[in-house]
PDB file of N, CA and C in Angstrom:
ATOM      1  N   MET A   1     -33.672 -47.702 -34.834  1.00  0.00           N
ATOM      2  CA  MET A   1     -34.655 -46.785 -34.320  1.00  0.00           C
ATOM      3  C   MET A   1     -34.591 -46.687 -32.794  1.00  0.00           C
ATOM      4  N   LYS A   2     -34.391 -47.843 -32.130  1.00  0.00           N
ATOM      5  CA  LYS A   2     -34.307 -47.839 -30.676  1.00  0.00           C
ATOM      6  C   LYS A   2     -33.078 -47.072 -30.211  1.00  0.00           C
ATOM      7  N   ARG A   3     -32.013 -47.205 -30.978  1.00  0.00           N
ATOM      8  CA  ARG A   3     -30.774 -46.516 -30.612  1.00  0.00           C
ATOM      9  C   ARG A   3     -30.964 -44.997 -30.683  1.00  0.00           C
ATOM     10  N   TYR A   4     -31.708 -44.522 -31.663  1.00  0.00           N
ATOM     11  CA  TYR A   4     -31.975 -43.096 -31.823  1.00  0.00           C
ATOM     12  C   TYR A   4     -32.765 -42.566 -30.623  1.00  0.00           C
ATOM     13  N   ARG A   5     -33.779 -43.324 -30.168  1.00  0.00           N
ATOM     14  CA  ARG A   5     -34.584 -42.935 -29.019  1.00  0.00           C
ATOM     15  C   ARG A   5     -33.732 -42.884 -27.752  1.00  0.00           C
ATOM     16  N   PHE A   6     -32.866 -43.860 -27.601  1.00  0.00           N
ATOM     17  CA  PHE A   6     -31.976 -43.910 -26.435  1.00  0.00           C
ATOM     18  C   PHE A   6     -31.062 -42.686 -26.400  1.00  0.00           C
ATOM     19  N   MET A   7     -30.492 -42.323 -27.537  1.00  0.00           N
ATOM     20  CA  MET A   7     -29.609 -41.156 -27.618  1.00  0.00           C
ATOM     21  C   MET A   7     -30.370 -39.863 -27.315  1.00  0.00           C
ATOM     22  N   LYS A   8     -31.632 -39.832 -27.711  1.00  0.00           N
ATOM     23  CA  LYS A   8     -32.465 -38.667 -27.449  1.00  0.00           C
ATOM     24  C   LYS A   8     -32.631 -38.468 -25.935  1.00  0.00           C
ATOM     25  N   TYR A   9     -32.883 -39.557 -25.211  1.00  0.00           N
ATOM     26  CA  TYR A   9     -33.042 -39.486 -23.758  1.00  0.00           C
ATOM     27  C   TYR A   9     -31.730 -39.112 -23.070  1.00  0.00           C
ATOM     28  N   VAL A  10     -30.647 -39.685 -23.526  1.00  0.00           N
ATOM     29  CA  VAL A  10     -29.337 -39.377 -22.951  1.00  0.00           C
ATOM     30  C   VAL A  10     -29.012 -37.901 -23.151  1.00  0.00           C
ATOM     31  N   THR A  11     -29.277 -37.386 -24.334  1.00  0.00           N
ATOM     32  CA  THR A  11     -29.028 -35.971 -24.621  1.00  0.00           C
ATOM     33  C   THR A  11     -29.886 -35.077 -23.726  1.00  0.00           C
ATOM     34  N   ALA A  12     -31.140 -35.440 -23.545  1.00  0.00           N
ATOM     35  CA  ALA A  12     -32.043 -34.655 -22.693  1.00  0.00           C
ATOM     36  C   ALA A  12     -31.556 -34.662 -21.243  1.00  0.00           C
ATOM     37  N   ILE A  13     -31.118 -35.808 -20.752  1.00  0.00           N
ATOM     38  CA  ILE A  13     -30.633 -35.912 -19.373  1.00  0.00           C
ATOM     39  C   ILE A  13     -29.367 -35.090 -19.187  1.00  0.00           C
ATOM     40  N   VAL A  14     -28.459 -35.153 -20.138  1.00  0.00           N
ATOM     41  CA  VAL A  14     -27.213 -34.383 -20.053  1.00  0.00           C
ATOM     42  C   VAL A  14     -27.510 -32.886 -20.058  1.00  0.00           C
ATOM     43  N   CYS A  15     -28.410 -32.452 -20.927  1.00  0.00           N
ATOM     44  CA  CYS A  15     -28.756 -31.020 -20.995  1.00  0.00           C
ATOM     45  C   CYS A  15     -29.412 -30.546 -19.704  1.00  0.00           C
ATOM     46  N   MET A  16     -30.306 -31.338 -19.149  1.00  0.00           N
ATOM     47  CA  MET A  16     -30.969 -30.965 -17.893  1.00  0.00           C
ATOM     48  C   MET A  16     -29.967 -30.928 -16.742  1.00  0.00           C
ATOM     49  N   SER A  17     -29.059 -31.881 -16.717  1.00  0.00           N
ATOM     50  CA  SER A  17     -28.032 -31.892 -15.669  1.00  0.00           C
ATOM     51  C   SER A  17     -27.150 -30.658 -15.756  1.00  0.00           C
ATOM     52  N   ALA A  18     -26.780 -30.281 -16.964  1.00  0.00           N
ATOM     53  CA  ALA A  18     -25.955 -29.086 -17.152  1.00  0.00           C
ATOM     54  C   ALA A  18     -26.704 -27.836 -16.700  1.00  0.00           C
ATOM     55  N   ALA A  19     -27.996 -27.755 -16.998  1.00  0.00           N
ATOM     56  CA  ALA A  19     -28.797 -26.596 -16.589  1.00  0.00           C
ATOM     57  C   ALA A  19     -28.898 -26.514 -15.066  1.00  0.00           C
ATOM     58  N   VAL A  20     -29.113 -27.645 -14.410  1.00  0.00           N
ATOM     59  CA  VAL A  20     -29.197 -27.668 -12.944  1.00  0.00           C
ATOM     60  C   VAL A  20     -27.862 -27.268 -12.331  1.00  0.00           C
ATOM     61  N   MET A  21     -26.768 -27.774 -12.860  1.00  0.00           N
ATOM     62  CA  MET A  21     -25.445 -27.420 -12.333  1.00  0.00           C
ATOM     63  C   MET A  21     -25.168 -25.932 -12.519  1.00  0.00           C
ATOM     64  N   PHE A  22     -25.572 -25.364 -13.635  1.00  0.00           N
ATOM     65  CA  PHE A  22     -25.388 -23.933 -13.881  1.00  0.00           C
ATOM     66  C   PHE A  22     -26.169 -23.112 -12.862  1.00  0.00           C
ATOM     67  N   LEU A  23     -27.417 -23.502 -12.602  1.00  0.00           N
ATOM     68  CA  LEU A  23     -28.238 -22.771 -11.632  1.00  0.00           C
ATOM     69  C   LEU A  23     -27.657 -22.860 -10.226  1.00  0.00           C
ATOM     70  N   LEU A  24     -27.193 -24.036  -9.837  1.00  0.00           N
ATOM     71  CA  LEU A  24     -26.601 -24.196  -8.505  1.00  0.00           C
ATOM     72  C   LEU A  24     -25.313 -23.398  -8.376  1.00  0.00           C
ATOM     73  N   ALA A  25     -24.505 -23.389  -9.401  1.00  0.00           N
ATOM     74  CA  ALA A  25     -23.243 -22.647  -9.361  1.00  0.00           C
ATOM     75  C   ALA A  25     -23.497 -21.149  -9.298  1.00  0.00           C
ATOM     76  N   SER A  26     -24.481 -20.654 -10.013  1.00  0.00           N
ATOM     77  CA  SER A  26     -24.748 -19.211 -10.004  1.00  0.00           C
ATOM     78  C   SER A  26     -25.270 -18.762  -8.650  1.00  0.00           C
ATOM     79  N   GLU A  27     -26.020 -19.589  -7.929  1.00  0.00           N
ATOM     80  CA  GLU A  27     -26.507 -19.233  -6.598  1.00  0.00           C
ATOM     81  C   GLU A  27     -25.377 -19.197  -5.587  1.00  0.00           C
ATOM     82  N   SER A  28     -24.404 -20.074  -5.721  1.00  0.00           N
ATOM     83  CA  SER A  28     -23.327 -20.124  -4.739  1.00  0.00           C
ATOM     84  C   SER A  28     -22.406 -18.918  -4.830  1.00  0.00           C
ATOM     85  N   TYR A  29     -22.349 -18.250  -5.960  1.00  0.00           N
ATOM     86  CA  TYR A  29     -21.478 -17.090  -6.101  1.00  0.00           C
ATOM     87  C   TYR A  29     -22.138 -15.778  -5.694  1.00  0.00           C
ATOM     88  N   THR A  30     -23.429 -15.768  -5.423  1.00  0.00           N
ATOM     89  CA  THR A  30     -24.085 -14.512  -5.073  1.00  0.00           C
ATOM     90  C   THR A  30     -23.620 -13.989  -3.724  1.00  0.00           C
ATOM     91  N   GLU A  31     -23.305 -14.857  -2.771  1.00  0.00           N
ATOM     92  CA  GLU A  31     -22.865 -14.403  -1.456  1.00  0.00           C
ATOM     93  C   GLU A  31     -21.449 -13.839  -1.490  1.00  0.00           C
ATOM     94  N   ASP A  32     -20.616 -14.296  -2.415  1.00  0.00           N
ATOM     95  CA  ASP A  32     -19.240 -13.831  -2.487  1.00  0.00           C
ATOM     96  C   ASP A  32     -19.130 -12.398  -2.991  1.00  0.00           C
ATOM     97  N   GLU A  33     -20.200 -11.853  -3.543  1.00  0.00           N
ATOM     98  CA  GLU A  33     -20.153 -10.513  -4.093  1.00  0.00           C
ATOM     99  C   GLU A  33     -20.233  -9.433  -3.022  1.00  0.00           C
ATOM    100  N   LYS A  34     -20.556  -9.801  -1.769  1.00  0.00           N
ATOM    101  CA  LYS A  34     -20.640  -8.822  -0.692  1.00  0.00           C
ATOM    102  C   LYS A  34     -19.260  -8.267  -0.384  1.00  0.00           C
ATOM    103  N   LYS A  35     -19.235  -7.010  -0.001  1.00  0.00           N
ATOM    104  CA  LYS A  35     -17.970  -6.408   0.398  1.00  0.00           C
ATOM    105  C   LYS A  35     -17.636  -6.868   1.814  1.00  0.00           C
ATOM    106  N   PRO A  36     -16.368  -7.012   2.138  1.00  0.00           N
ATOM    107  CA  PRO A  36     -16.006  -7.408   3.498  1.00  0.00           C
ATOM    108  C   PRO A  36     -16.331  -6.293   4.491  1.00  0.00           C
ATOM    109  N   VAL A  37     -16.609  -6.678   5.728  1.00  0.00           N
ATOM    110  CA  VAL A  37     -16.905  -5.705   6.778  1.00  0.00           C
ATOM    111  C   VAL A  37     -15.659  -4.888   7.083  1.00  0.00           C
ATOM    112  N   THR A  38     -14.514  -5.565   7.171  1.00  0.00           N
ATOM    113  CA  THR A  38     -13.246  -4.899   7.441  1.00  0.00           C
ATOM    114  C   THR A  38     -12.315  -5.136   6.262  1.00  0.00           C
ATOM    115  N   PRO A  39     -12.097  -4.127   5.431  1.00  0.00           N
ATOM    116  CA  PRO A  39     -11.169  -4.302   4.311  1.00  0.00           C
ATOM    117  C   PRO A  39      -9.761  -4.617   4.814  1.00  0.00           C
ATOM    118  N   TYR A  40      -9.011  -5.397   4.056  1.00  0.00           N
ATOM    119  CA  TYR A  40      -7.674  -5.812   4.476  1.00  0.00           C
ATOM    120  C   TYR A  40      -6.767  -4.602   4.681  1.00  0.00           C
ATOM    121  N   GLY A  41      -6.143  -4.536   5.860  1.00  0.00           N
ATOM    122  CA  GLY A  41      -5.160  -3.497   6.143  1.00  0.00           C
ATOM    123  C   GLY A  41      -5.731  -2.127   6.408  1.00  0.00           C
ATOM    124  N   ASP A  42      -7.011  -2.046   6.735  1.00  0.00           N
ATOM    125  CA  ASP A  42      -7.612  -0.746   7.012  1.00  0.00           C
ATOM    126  C   ASP A  42      -7.122  -0.219   8.359  1.00  0.00           C
ATOM    127  N   SER A  43      -7.195   1.087   8.547  1.00  0.00           N
ATOM    128  CA  SER A  43      -6.744   1.681   9.809  1.00  0.00           C
ATOM    129  C   SER A  43      -7.812   2.627  10.335  1.00  0.00           C
ATOM    130  N   CYS A  44      -7.740   2.911  11.638  1.00  0.00           N
ATOM    131  CA  CYS A  44      -8.714   3.804  12.262  1.00  0.00           C
ATOM    132  C   CYS A  44      -8.404   5.253  11.894  1.00  0.00           C
ATOM    133  N   ASP A  45      -9.318   6.144  12.224  1.00  0.00           N
ATOM    134  CA  ASP A  45      -9.172   7.557  11.866  1.00  0.00           C
ATOM    135  C   ASP A  45      -8.121   8.285  12.694  1.00  0.00           C
ATOM    136  N   LEU A  46      -7.756   7.752  13.849  1.00  0.00           N
ATOM    137  CA  LEU A  46      -6.790   8.431  14.714  1.00  0.00           C
ATOM    138  C   LEU A  46      -5.354   8.308  14.210  1.00  0.00           C
ATOM    139  N   CYS A  47      -5.096   7.348  13.352  1.00  0.00           N
ATOM    140  CA  CYS A  47      -3.744   7.127  12.820  1.00  0.00           C
ATOM    141  C   CYS A  47      -3.768   7.283  11.298  1.00  0.00           C
ATOM    142  N   SER A  48      -2.596   7.427  10.715  1.00  0.00           N
ATOM    143  CA  SER A  48      -2.526   7.582   9.261  1.00  0.00           C
ATOM    144  C   SER A  48      -2.735   6.237   8.570  1.00  0.00           C
ATOM    145  N   LYS A  49      -2.917   6.275   7.277  1.00  0.00           N
ATOM    146  CA  LYS A  49      -3.114   5.049   6.502  1.00  0.00           C
ATOM    147  C   LYS A  49      -1.850   4.202   6.450  1.00  0.00           C
ATOM    148  N   TYR A  50      -0.718   4.795   6.777  1.00  0.00           N
ATOM    149  CA  TYR A  50       0.555   4.076   6.728  1.00  0.00           C
ATOM    150  C   TYR A  50       0.952   3.510   8.087  1.00  0.00           C
ATOM    151  N   GLY A  51       0.036   3.527   9.063  1.00  0.00           N
ATOM    152  CA  GLY A  51       0.300   2.932  10.363  1.00  0.00           C
ATOM    153  C   GLY A  51       1.130   3.795  11.283  1.00  0.00           C
ATOM    154  N   ILE A  52       0.989   5.102  11.161  1.00  0.00           N
ATOM    155  CA  ILE A  52       1.754   6.002  12.022  1.00  0.00           C
ATOM    156  C   ILE A  52       0.784   6.725  12.947  1.00  0.00           C
ATOM    157  N   CYS A  53       0.934   6.493  14.251  1.00  0.00           N
ATOM    158  CA  CYS A  53       0.137   7.190  15.259  1.00  0.00           C
ATOM    159  C   CYS A  53       1.054   8.147  16.014  1.00  0.00           C
ATOM    160  N   LYS A  54       0.477   9.191  16.572  1.00  0.00           N
ATOM    161  CA  LYS A  54       1.277  10.142  17.345  1.00  0.00           C
ATOM    162  C   LYS A  54       1.824   9.481  18.603  1.00  0.00           C
ATOM    163  N   SER A  55       1.012   8.644  19.226  1.00  0.00           N
ATOM    164  CA  SER A  55       1.441   7.879  20.398  1.00  0.00           C
ATOM    165  C   SER A  55       0.593   6.614  20.474  1.00  0.00           C
ATOM    166  N   VAL A  56       1.026   5.670  21.302  1.00  0.00           N
ATOM    167  CA  VAL A  56       0.267   4.431  21.464  1.00  0.00           C
ATOM    168  C   VAL A  56      -1.030   4.757  22.195  1.00  0.00           C
ATOM    169  N   MET A  57      -2.139   4.303  21.643  1.00  0.00           N
ATOM    170  CA  MET A  57      -3.449   4.561  22.247  1.00  0.00           C
ATOM    171  C   MET A  57      -3.635   3.740  23.508  1.00  0.00           C
ATOM    172  N   SER A  58      -4.378   4.281  24.455  1.00  0.00           N
ATOM    173  CA  SER A  58      -4.769   3.496  25.626  1.00  0.00           C
ATOM    174  C   SER A  58      -5.868   2.529  25.180  1.00  0.00           C
ATOM    175  N   HIS A  59      -6.195   1.578  26.041  1.00  0.00           N
ATOM    176  CA  HIS A  59      -7.251   0.625  25.701  1.00  0.00           C
ATOM    177  C   HIS A  59      -8.584   1.347  25.504  1.00  0.00           C
ATOM    178  N   ASP A  60      -8.857   2.355  26.342  1.00  0.00           N
ATOM    179  CA  ASP A  60     -10.112   3.101  26.205  1.00  0.00           C
ATOM    180  C   ASP A  60     -10.154   3.895  24.902  1.00  0.00           C
ATOM    181  N   GLN A  61      -9.053   4.546  24.551  1.00  0.00           N
ATOM    182  CA  GLN A  61      -9.004   5.287  23.289  1.00  0.00           C
ATOM    183  C   GLN A  61      -9.201   4.350  22.100  1.00  0.00           C
ATOM    184  N   ALA A  62      -8.571   3.184  22.176  1.00  0.00           N
ATOM    185  CA  ALA A  62      -8.695   2.206  21.090  1.00  0.00           C
ATOM    186  C   ALA A  62     -10.139   1.714  20.969  1.00  0.00           C
ATOM    187  N   HIS A  63     -10.780   1.466  22.105  1.00  0.00           N
ATOM    188  CA  HIS A  63     -12.169   1.006  22.088  1.00  0.00           C
ATOM    189  C   HIS A  63     -13.075   2.072  21.472  1.00  0.00           C
ATOM    190  N   ARG A  64     -12.863   3.331  21.838  1.00  0.00           N
ATOM    191  CA  ARG A  64     -13.651   4.425  21.257  1.00  0.00           C
ATOM    192  C   ARG A  64     -13.390   4.564  19.753  1.00  0.00           C
ATOM    193  N   ALA A  65     -12.132   4.397  19.348  1.00  0.00           N
ATOM    194  CA  ALA A  65     -11.796   4.482  17.918  1.00  0.00           C
ATOM    195  C   ALA A  65     -12.489   3.371  17.130  1.00  0.00           C
ATOM    196  N   LEU A  66     -12.509   2.159  17.696  1.00  0.00           N
ATOM    197  CA  LEU A  66     -13.197   1.048  17.031  1.00  0.00           C
ATOM    198  C   LEU A  66     -14.699   1.294  16.958  1.00  0.00           C
ATOM    199  N   MET A  67     -15.269   1.788  18.061  1.00  0.00           N
ATOM    200  CA  MET A  67     -16.707   2.067  18.066  1.00  0.00           C
ATOM    201  C   MET A  67     -17.055   3.108  17.002  1.00  0.00           C
ATOM    202  N   LYS A  68     -16.234   4.139  16.882  1.00  0.00           N
ATOM    203  CA  LYS A  68     -16.469   5.185  15.883  1.00  0.00           C
ATOM    204  C   LYS A  68     -16.330   4.621  14.462  1.00  0.00           C
ATOM    205  N   TYR A  69     -15.302   3.808  14.250  1.00  0.00           N
ATOM    206  CA  TYR A  69     -15.036   3.221  12.932  1.00  0.00           C
ATOM    207  C   TYR A  69     -16.213   2.362  12.464  1.00  0.00           C
ATOM    208  N   TYR A  70     -16.712   1.485  13.350  1.00  0.00           N
ATOM    209  CA  TYR A  70     -17.777   0.570  12.956  1.00  0.00           C
ATOM    210  C   TYR A  70     -19.165   1.193  13.070  1.00  0.00           C
ATOM    211  N   HIS A  71     -19.327   2.217  13.903  1.00  0.00           N
ATOM    212  CA  HIS A  71     -20.629   2.881  14.008  1.00  0.00           C
ATOM    213  C   HIS A  71     -21.010   3.519  12.677  1.00  0.00           C
ATOM    214  N   SER A  72     -20.023   4.031  11.957  1.00  0.00           N
ATOM    215  CA  SER A  72     -20.301   4.634  10.645  1.00  0.00           C
ATOM    216  C   SER A  72     -20.812   3.599   9.642  1.00  0.00           C
ATOM    217  N   LYS A  73     -20.550   2.320   9.909  1.00  0.00           N
ATOM    218  CA  LYS A  73     -21.028   1.235   9.045  1.00  0.00           C
ATOM    219  C   LYS A  73     -22.301   0.597   9.592  1.00  0.00           C
ATOM    220  N   GLY A  74     -22.795   1.124  10.729  1.00  0.00           N
ATOM    221  CA  GLY A  74     -24.013   0.592  11.335  1.00  0.00           C
ATOM    222  C   GLY A  74     -23.789  -0.696  12.107  1.00  0.00           C
ATOM    223  N   LEU A  75     -22.582  -0.888  12.641  1.00  0.00           N
ATOM    224  CA  LEU A  75     -22.236  -2.113  13.359  1.00  0.00           C
ATOM    225  C   LEU A  75     -21.865  -1.803  14.804  1.00  0.00           C
ATOM    226  N   ILE A  76     -21.868  -2.838  15.635  1.00  0.00           N
ATOM    227  CA  ILE A  76     -21.559  -2.711  17.055  1.00  0.00           C
ATOM    228  C   ILE A  76     -20.277  -3.481  17.347  1.00  0.00           C
ATOM    229  N   VAL A  77     -19.403  -2.905  18.197  1.00  0.00           N
ATOM    230  CA  VAL A  77     -18.136  -3.548  18.565  1.00  0.00           C
ATOM    231  C   VAL A  77     -18.213  -4.005  20.012  1.00  0.00           C
ATOM    232  N   GLU A  78     -17.779  -5.237  20.249  1.00  0.00           N
ATOM    233  CA  GLU A  78     -17.734  -5.803  21.598  1.00  0.00           C
ATOM    234  C   GLU A  78     -16.307  -6.306  21.831  1.00  0.00           C
ATOM    235  N   VAL A  79     -15.581  -5.653  22.741  1.00  0.00           N
ATOM    236  CA  VAL A  79     -14.192  -6.041  23.009  1.00  0.00           C
ATOM    237  C   VAL A  79     -14.182  -7.396  23.693  1.00  0.00           C
ATOM    238  N   ASP A  80     -13.383  -8.290  23.153  1.00  0.00           N
ATOM    239  CA  ASP A  80     -13.290  -9.660  23.643  1.00  0.00           C
ATOM    240  C   ASP A  80     -12.088  -9.825  24.574  1.00  0.00           C
ATOM    241  N   ARG A  81     -10.914  -9.385  24.113  1.00  0.00           N
ATOM    242  CA  ARG A  81      -9.669  -9.531  24.879  1.00  0.00           C
ATOM    243  C   ARG A  81      -8.774  -8.333  24.674  1.00  0.00           C
ATOM    244  N   LYS A  82      -8.004  -8.010  25.699  1.00  0.00           N
ATOM    245  CA  LYS A  82      -6.967  -6.981  25.604  1.00  0.00           C
ATOM    246  C   LYS A  82      -5.658  -7.656  25.971  1.00  0.00           C
ATOM    247  N   ASN A  83      -4.713  -7.660  25.042  1.00  0.00           N
ATOM    248  CA  ASN A  83      -3.451  -8.341  25.281  1.00  0.00           C
ATOM    249  C   ASN A  83      -2.312  -7.477  24.751  1.00  0.00           C
ATOM    250  N   GLY A  84      -1.588  -6.823  25.656  1.00  0.00           N
ATOM    251  CA  GLY A  84      -0.482  -5.968  25.243  1.00  0.00           C
ATOM    252  C   GLY A  84      -0.969  -4.835  24.368  1.00  0.00           C
ATOM    253  N   ARG A  85      -0.378  -4.706  23.191  1.00  0.00           N
ATOM    254  CA  ARG A  85      -0.787  -3.625  22.292  1.00  0.00           C
ATOM    255  C   ARG A  85      -1.944  -4.005  21.379  1.00  0.00           C
ATOM    256  N   PHE A  86      -2.458  -5.220  21.512  1.00  0.00           N
ATOM    257  CA  PHE A  86      -3.532  -5.695  20.642  1.00  0.00           C
ATOM    258  C   PHE A  86      -4.859  -5.819  21.384  1.00  0.00           C
ATOM    259  N   ILE A  87      -5.929  -5.615  20.645  1.00  0.00           N
ATOM    260  CA  ILE A  87      -7.284  -5.799  21.160  1.00  0.00           C
ATOM    261  C   ILE A  87      -8.008  -6.723  20.193  1.00  0.00           C
ATOM    262  N   ARG A  88      -8.652  -7.734  20.749  1.00  0.00           N
ATOM    263  CA  ARG A  88      -9.477  -8.629  19.936  1.00  0.00           C
ATOM    264  C   ARG A  88     -10.933  -8.264  20.208  1.00  0.00           C
ATOM    265  N   ALA A  89     -11.716  -8.106  19.153  1.00  0.00           N
ATOM    266  CA  ALA A  89     -13.109  -7.683  19.315  1.00  0.00           C
ATOM    267  C   ALA A  89     -14.015  -8.401  18.322  1.00  0.00           C
ATOM    268  N   LYS A  90     -15.283  -8.512  18.718  1.00  0.00           N
ATOM    269  CA  LYS A  90     -16.310  -9.076  17.841  1.00  0.00           C
ATOM    270  C   LYS A  90     -17.119  -7.925  17.271  1.00  0.00           C
ATOM    271  N   VAL A  91     -17.383  -7.991  15.991  1.00  0.00           N
ATOM    272  CA  VAL A  91     -18.189  -6.978  15.321  1.00  0.00           C
ATOM    273  C   VAL A  91     -19.549  -7.609  15.044  1.00  0.00           C
ATOM    274  N   ARG A  92     -20.594  -6.945  15.523  1.00  0.00           N
ATOM    275  CA  ARG A  92     -21.949  -7.494  15.411  1.00  0.00           C
ATOM    276  C   ARG A  92     -22.858  -6.595  14.585  1.00  0.00           C
ATOM    277  N   GLU A  93     -23.777  -7.261  13.920  1.00  0.00           N
ATOM    278  CA  GLU A  93     -24.884  -6.571  13.264  1.00  0.00           C
ATOM    279  C   GLU A  93     -26.134  -7.133  13.910  1.00  0.00           C
ATOM    280  N   LYS A  94     -26.727  -6.360  14.795  1.00  0.00           N
ATOM    281  CA  LYS A  94     -27.828  -6.796  15.664  1.00  0.00           C
ATOM    282  C   LYS A  94     -27.296  -7.933  16.536  1.00  0.00           C
ATOM    283  N   ASP A  95     -27.791  -9.159  16.391  1.00  0.00           N
ATOM    284  CA  ASP A  95     -27.335 -10.274  17.228  1.00  0.00           C
ATOM    285  C   ASP A  95     -26.375 -11.204  16.504  1.00  0.00           C
ATOM    286  N   LYS A  96     -26.048 -10.902  15.275  1.00  0.00           N
ATOM    287  CA  LYS A  96     -25.212 -11.780  14.454  1.00  0.00           C
ATOM    288  C   LYS A  96     -23.771 -11.267  14.410  1.00  0.00           C
ATOM    289  N   ILE A  97     -22.805 -12.149  14.664  1.00  0.00           N
ATOM    290  CA  ILE A  97     -21.389 -11.787  14.546  1.00  0.00           C
ATOM    291  C   ILE A  97     -21.036 -11.779  13.060  1.00  0.00           C
ATOM    292  N   VAL A  98     -20.576 -10.620  12.576  1.00  0.00           N
ATOM    293  CA  VAL A  98     -20.218 -10.509  11.161  1.00  0.00           C
ATOM    294  C   VAL A  98     -18.711 -10.490  10.949  1.00  0.00           C
ATOM    295  N   ASP A  99     -17.945 -10.252  12.014  1.00  0.00           N
ATOM    296  CA  ASP A  99     -16.491 -10.225  11.884  1.00  0.00           C
ATOM    297  C   ASP A  99     -15.855 -10.319  13.263  1.00  0.00           C
ATOM    298  N   ILE A 100     -14.653 -10.863  13.302  1.00  0.00           N
ATOM    299  CA  ILE A 100     -13.815 -10.850  14.503  1.00  0.00           C
ATOM    300  C   ILE A 100     -12.518 -10.190  14.074  1.00  0.00           C
ATOM    301  N   ILE A 101     -12.099  -9.191  14.833  1.00  0.00           N
ATOM    302  CA  ILE A 101     -10.949  -8.395  14.403  1.00  0.00           C
ATOM    303  C   ILE A 101      -9.881  -8.333  15.484  1.00  0.00           C
ATOM    304  N   ILE A 102      -8.680  -8.012  15.039  1.00  0.00           N
ATOM    305  CA  ILE A 102      -7.576  -7.678  15.941  1.00  0.00           C
ATOM    306  C   ILE A 102      -7.176  -6.252  15.609  1.00  0.00           C
ATOM    307  N   PHE A 103      -7.085  -5.424  16.651  1.00  0.00           N
ATOM    308  CA  PHE A 103      -6.732  -4.019  16.482  1.00  0.00           C
ATOM    309  C   PHE A 103      -5.377  -3.774  17.125  1.00  0.00           C
ATOM    310  N   ASP A 104      -4.462  -3.189  16.370  1.00  0.00           N
ATOM    311  CA  ASP A 104      -3.126  -2.859  16.856  1.00  0.00           C
ATOM    312  C   ASP A 104      -3.149  -1.412  17.356  1.00  0.00           C
ATOM    313  N   ARG A 105      -2.961  -1.220  18.660  1.00  0.00           N
ATOM    314  CA  ARG A 105      -3.047   0.117  19.254  1.00  0.00           C
ATOM    315  C   ARG A 105      -1.894   1.018  18.839  1.00  0.00           C
ATOM    316  N   ARG A 106      -0.770   0.457  18.460  1.00  0.00           N
ATOM    317  CA  ARG A 106       0.388   1.264  18.079  1.00  0.00           C
ATOM    318  C   ARG A 106       0.286   1.783  16.639  1.00  0.00           C
ATOM    319  N   SER A 107      -0.195   0.942  15.723  1.00  0.00           N
ATOM    320  CA  SER A 107      -0.259   1.363  14.315  1.00  0.00           C
ATOM    321  C   SER A 107      -1.661   1.767  13.866  1.00  0.00           C
ATOM    322  N   GLY A 108      -2.687   1.416  14.654  1.00  0.00           N
ATOM    323  CA  GLY A 108      -4.059   1.741  14.269  1.00  0.00           C
ATOM    324  C   GLY A 108      -4.641   0.804  13.230  1.00  0.00           C
ATOM    325  N   ARG A 109      -3.968  -0.306  12.948  1.00  0.00           N
ATOM    326  CA  ARG A 109      -4.428  -1.265  11.939  1.00  0.00           C
ATOM    327  C   ARG A 109      -5.565  -2.128  12.482  1.00  0.00           C
ATOM    328  N   VAL A 110      -6.531  -2.383  11.612  1.00  0.00           N
ATOM    329  CA  VAL A 110      -7.656  -3.254  11.924  1.00  0.00           C
ATOM    330  C   VAL A 110      -7.552  -4.450  10.992  1.00  0.00           C
ATOM    331  N   ARG A 111      -7.428  -5.649  11.560  1.00  0.00           N
ATOM    332  CA  ARG A 111      -7.284  -6.880  10.757  1.00  0.00           C
ATOM    333  C   ARG A 111      -8.415  -7.848  11.083  1.00  0.00           C
ATOM    334  N   SER A 112      -9.027  -8.374  10.062  1.00  0.00           N
ATOM    335  CA  SER A 112     -10.078  -9.368  10.236  1.00  0.00           C
ATOM    336  C   SER A 112      -9.450 -10.744  10.408  1.00  0.00           C
ATOM    337  N   ILE A 113      -9.944 -11.507  11.379  1.00  0.00           N
ATOM    338  CA  ILE A 113      -9.476 -12.889  11.561  1.00  0.00           C
ATOM    339  C   ILE A 113     -10.638 -13.868  11.462  1.00  0.00           C
ATOM    340  N   TYR A 114     -11.765 -13.435  10.941  1.00  0.00           N
ATOM    341  CA  TYR A 114     -12.978 -14.256  10.871  1.00  0.00           C
ATOM    342  C   TYR A 114     -12.993 -15.059   9.608  1.00  0.00           C
TER     343      TYR A 114
END
């Protein structure tokens, strides 16, 4: 009789542990369902989707293209560094950094490095 009671408690503890683990696991996956701010391999509107621009953009043109690209998503772009044909920028939503990107001025590609 004592053995039956012991097994009853063990079964209850195992079931409760499984339920808690299920709840914790389901909460951790809710954040992964968000879409990325910068989809992989996306390009600005000034160049084609295949990375062909008419000419290499100036730093100012690239900054305006990035501002236009992210403004449509309700985000703000802050240029961090300009190095050769690449621009590194922080993408913000109000005061929170949501992405850090590298922009290729020759191909118009936007890559997330965050």
